[in-house]
């Protein structure tokens, strides 16, 4: 059984028939595309995709910062004026 990460689903034929409508609906939440009742893909709008990418970038930066804090090197004090 496949886990579906969306609250709305459309069939492949509906996506082919009305792609603009499906894309418009996908601006705020993902839509799963089903083919024979199995998920084959997701449609997300541009705004949602940009938000997802920003969150992933923030997560990556947080991991880099945590690694640098735990690298065993002494920290260097810096003031905002120094920057």
N, C-alpha and C. Protein backbone atom coordinates (compact mmCIF):
# COMPACT_ATOMS: atom_id res chain seq x y z
N UNK A 1 0.84 -1.18 0.00
CA UNK A 1 0.00 0.00 0.00
C UNK A 1 0.88 1.24 0.00
N UNK A 2 0.51 2.23 -0.78
CA UNK A 2 1.26 3.48 -0.87
C UNK A 2 0.68 4.53 0.05
N UNK A 3 1.55 5.28 0.70
CA UNK A 3 1.12 6.40 1.52
C UNK A 3 0.92 7.60 0.61
N UNK A 4 -0.18 8.30 0.79
CA UNK A 4 -0.49 9.48 -0.02
C UNK A 4 -0.32 10.71 0.85
N UNK A 5 0.49 11.65 0.38
CA UNK A 5 0.80 12.85 1.14
C UNK A 5 0.03 14.05 0.60
N UNK A 6 -1.26 13.88 0.41
CA UNK A 6 -2.11 14.97 -0.07
C UNK A 6 -3.54 14.73 0.39
N UNK A 7 -4.29 15.79 0.51
CA UNK A 7 -5.69 15.66 0.90
C UNK A 7 -6.62 15.63 -0.30
N UNK A 8 -6.09 15.97 -1.47
CA UNK A 8 -6.89 15.98 -2.69
C UNK A 8 -6.22 15.11 -3.74
N UNK A 9 -7.02 14.41 -4.50
CA UNK A 9 -6.51 13.54 -5.56
C UNK A 9 -7.25 13.82 -6.86
N UNK A 10 -6.54 13.65 -7.97
CA UNK A 10 -7.14 13.74 -9.29
C UNK A 10 -6.66 12.55 -10.10
N UNK A 11 -7.48 12.14 -11.03
CA UNK A 11 -7.08 11.08 -11.94
C UNK A 11 -6.23 11.64 -13.05
N UNK A 12 -5.47 10.78 -13.66
CA UNK A 12 -4.61 11.19 -14.76
C UNK A 12 -5.43 11.80 -15.90
N UNK A 13 -6.60 11.22 -16.16
CA UNK A 13 -7.45 11.75 -17.23
C UNK A 13 -7.97 13.14 -16.90
N UNK A 14 -8.28 13.40 -15.62
CA UNK A 14 -8.73 14.73 -15.22
C UNK A 14 -7.60 15.75 -15.36
N UNK A 15 -6.37 15.35 -15.02
CA UNK A 15 -5.23 16.24 -15.18
C UNK A 15 -5.02 16.59 -16.65
N UNK A 16 -5.17 15.60 -17.52
CA UNK A 16 -5.02 15.84 -18.96
C UNK A 16 -6.12 16.76 -19.49
N UNK A 17 -7.34 16.57 -18.97
CA UNK A 17 -8.48 17.34 -19.46
C UNK A 17 -8.47 18.79 -18.96
N UNK A 18 -8.05 19.00 -17.69
CA UNK A 18 -8.10 20.34 -17.09
C UNK A 18 -6.81 20.68 -16.35
N UNK A 19 -5.68 20.74 -17.02
CA UNK A 19 -4.43 20.98 -16.30
C UNK A 19 -4.39 22.34 -15.59
N UNK A 20 -4.95 23.37 -16.19
CA UNK A 20 -4.92 24.70 -15.57
C UNK A 20 -5.71 24.71 -14.27
N UNK A 21 -6.85 24.04 -14.24
CA UNK A 21 -7.67 23.99 -13.03
C UNK A 21 -6.94 23.25 -11.92
N UNK A 22 -6.30 22.14 -12.26
CA UNK A 22 -5.56 21.36 -11.27
C UNK A 22 -4.39 22.18 -10.73
N UNK A 23 -3.65 22.86 -11.61
CA UNK A 23 -2.53 23.68 -11.16
C UNK A 23 -2.99 24.82 -10.26
N UNK A 24 -4.11 25.41 -10.60
CA UNK A 24 -4.64 26.50 -9.77
C UNK A 24 -5.00 25.98 -8.38
N UNK A 25 -5.55 24.80 -8.31
CA UNK A 25 -5.92 24.21 -7.02
C UNK A 25 -4.70 23.82 -6.20
N UNK A 26 -3.58 23.60 -6.87
CA UNK A 26 -2.37 23.13 -6.20
C UNK A 26 -1.53 24.26 -5.61
N UNK A 27 -1.99 25.48 -5.68
CA UNK A 27 -1.20 26.60 -5.16
C UNK A 27 -1.02 26.53 -3.64
N UNK A 28 -1.99 26.00 -2.93
CA UNK A 28 -1.91 26.02 -1.47
C UNK A 28 -1.64 24.66 -0.85
N UNK A 29 -1.88 23.59 -1.59
CA UNK A 29 -1.62 22.25 -1.06
C UNK A 29 -1.35 21.30 -2.22
N UNK A 30 -0.56 20.26 -1.96
CA UNK A 30 -0.25 19.32 -3.04
C UNK A 30 -1.47 18.50 -3.45
N UNK A 31 -1.47 18.08 -4.69
CA UNK A 31 -2.53 17.22 -5.21
C UNK A 31 -1.86 15.97 -5.76
N UNK A 32 -2.33 14.82 -5.34
CA UNK A 32 -1.77 13.57 -5.83
C UNK A 32 -2.46 13.20 -7.14
N UNK A 33 -1.68 12.72 -8.10
CA UNK A 33 -2.22 12.27 -9.38
C UNK A 33 -2.26 10.75 -9.34
N UNK A 34 -3.46 10.21 -9.57
CA UNK A 34 -3.66 8.76 -9.50
C UNK A 34 -3.81 8.18 -10.89
N UNK A 35 -3.22 7.02 -11.08
CA UNK A 35 -3.41 6.24 -12.29
C UNK A 35 -3.81 4.84 -11.85
N UNK A 36 -5.05 4.47 -12.14
CA UNK A 36 -5.61 3.19 -11.69
C UNK A 36 -5.54 3.08 -10.16
N UNK A 37 -5.91 4.16 -9.51
CA UNK A 37 -5.98 4.27 -8.06
C UNK A 37 -4.63 4.11 -7.36
N UNK A 38 -3.55 4.33 -8.09
CA UNK A 38 -2.22 4.30 -7.49
C UNK A 38 -1.56 5.66 -7.73
N UNK A 39 -0.90 6.21 -6.70
CA UNK A 39 -0.24 7.50 -6.90
C UNK A 39 0.89 7.40 -7.91
N UNK A 40 0.87 8.30 -8.89
CA UNK A 40 1.93 8.33 -9.90
C UNK A 40 2.73 9.62 -9.85
N UNK A 41 2.24 10.60 -9.13
CA UNK A 41 2.96 11.87 -9.02
C UNK A 41 2.17 12.87 -8.20
N UNK A 42 2.78 14.00 -7.97
CA UNK A 42 2.14 15.08 -7.23
C UNK A 42 2.24 16.35 -8.05
N UNK A 43 1.24 17.18 -7.92
CA UNK A 43 1.23 18.50 -8.55
C UNK A 43 1.27 19.52 -7.42
N UNK A 44 2.26 20.42 -7.49
CA UNK A 44 2.32 21.52 -6.53
C UNK A 44 2.46 22.82 -7.30
N UNK A 45 1.85 23.85 -6.80
CA UNK A 45 1.93 25.16 -7.44
C UNK A 45 3.27 25.81 -7.16
N UNK A 46 3.57 26.85 -7.91
CA UNK A 46 4.85 27.53 -7.80
C UNK A 46 5.09 28.08 -6.39
N UNK A 47 4.10 28.70 -5.81
CA UNK A 47 4.23 29.28 -4.47
C UNK A 47 4.55 28.20 -3.44
N UNK A 48 3.86 27.09 -3.51
CA UNK A 48 4.10 25.99 -2.58
C UNK A 48 5.48 25.40 -2.79
N UNK A 49 5.88 25.20 -4.05
CA UNK A 49 7.21 24.64 -4.34
C UNK A 49 8.32 25.55 -3.80
N UNK A 50 8.17 26.86 -3.99
CA UNK A 50 9.17 27.80 -3.48
C UNK A 50 9.26 27.72 -1.96
N UNK A 51 8.13 27.57 -1.30
CA UNK A 51 8.11 27.44 0.15
C UNK A 51 8.82 26.16 0.59
N UNK A 52 8.57 25.07 -0.10
CA UNK A 52 9.22 23.79 0.22
C UNK A 52 10.73 23.93 0.03
N UNK A 53 11.16 24.53 -1.06
CA UNK A 53 12.59 24.68 -1.33
C UNK A 53 13.26 25.57 -0.29
N UNK A 54 12.58 26.62 0.14
CA UNK A 54 13.12 27.51 1.17
C UNK A 54 13.29 26.76 2.49
N UNK A 55 12.31 25.94 2.84
CA UNK A 55 12.41 25.16 4.08
C UNK A 55 13.56 24.16 4.01
N UNK A 56 13.75 23.52 2.85
CA UNK A 56 14.86 22.59 2.69
C UNK A 56 16.21 23.30 2.80
N UNK A 57 16.29 24.50 2.22
CA UNK A 57 17.53 25.28 2.30
C UNK A 57 17.82 25.68 3.75
N UNK A 58 16.78 26.09 4.48
CA UNK A 58 16.95 26.45 5.89
C UNK A 58 17.41 25.25 6.71
N UNK A 59 16.86 24.08 6.42
CA UNK A 59 17.26 22.86 7.12
C UNK A 59 18.73 22.55 6.85
N UNK A 60 19.15 22.67 5.60
CA UNK A 60 20.54 22.42 5.24
C UNK A 60 21.47 23.41 5.95
N UNK A 61 21.09 24.68 5.98
CA UNK A 61 21.92 25.69 6.65
C UNK A 61 21.99 25.42 8.15
N UNK A 62 20.90 24.97 8.76
CA UNK A 62 20.90 24.63 10.18
C UNK A 62 21.83 23.45 10.46
N UNK A 63 21.85 22.47 9.56
CA UNK A 63 22.75 21.32 9.73
C UNK A 63 24.21 21.75 9.61
N UNK A 64 24.51 22.65 8.68
CA UNK A 64 25.87 23.16 8.53
C UNK A 64 26.28 23.92 9.79
N UNK A 65 25.40 24.76 10.29
CA UNK A 65 25.70 25.53 11.50
C UNK A 65 25.93 24.62 12.69
N UNK A 66 25.10 23.58 12.85
CA UNK A 66 25.27 22.65 13.96
C UNK A 66 26.59 21.90 13.85
N UNK A 67 26.96 21.50 12.65
CA UNK A 67 28.23 20.80 12.45
C UNK A 67 29.41 21.69 12.80
N UNK A 68 29.32 22.96 12.43
CA UNK A 68 30.41 23.89 12.74
C UNK A 68 30.49 24.19 14.23
N UNK A 69 29.35 24.22 14.91
CA UNK A 69 29.37 24.45 16.35
C UNK A 69 29.97 23.26 17.09
N UNK A 70 29.84 22.08 16.54
CA UNK A 70 30.30 20.86 17.20
C UNK A 70 31.61 20.33 16.63
N UNK A 71 32.36 21.16 15.90
CA UNK A 71 33.58 20.66 15.28
C UNK A 71 34.78 20.64 16.23
N UNK A 72 34.61 21.11 17.46
CA UNK A 72 35.68 21.07 18.44
C UNK A 72 36.59 22.28 18.43
N UNK A 73 36.43 23.15 17.47
CA UNK A 73 37.25 24.35 17.40
C UNK A 73 36.69 25.42 18.32
N UNK A 74 37.56 26.26 18.81
CA UNK A 74 37.13 27.36 19.67
C UNK A 74 36.36 28.38 18.83
N UNK A 75 35.31 28.92 19.41
CA UNK A 75 34.53 29.92 18.69
C UNK A 75 35.26 31.26 18.72
N UNK A 76 34.98 32.09 17.74
CA UNK A 76 35.61 33.40 17.63
C UNK A 76 34.54 34.44 17.91
N UNK A 77 34.72 35.24 18.95
CA UNK A 77 33.72 36.27 19.24
C UNK A 77 33.73 37.36 18.16
N UNK A 78 32.55 37.74 17.71
CA UNK A 78 32.40 38.75 16.67
C UNK A 78 31.25 39.67 17.06
N UNK A 79 31.43 40.95 16.84
CA UNK A 79 30.34 41.89 17.08
C UNK A 79 29.70 42.24 15.75
N UNK A 80 28.52 42.82 15.81
CA UNK A 80 27.85 43.23 14.58
C UNK A 80 28.64 44.30 13.84
N UNK A 81 29.34 45.13 14.58
CA UNK A 81 30.16 46.17 13.95
C UNK A 81 31.30 45.55 13.15
N UNK A 82 31.82 44.41 13.60
CA UNK A 82 32.88 43.71 12.87
C UNK A 82 32.39 43.18 11.53
N UNK A 83 31.11 42.86 11.47
CA UNK A 83 30.58 42.31 10.24
C UNK A 83 30.33 43.40 9.23
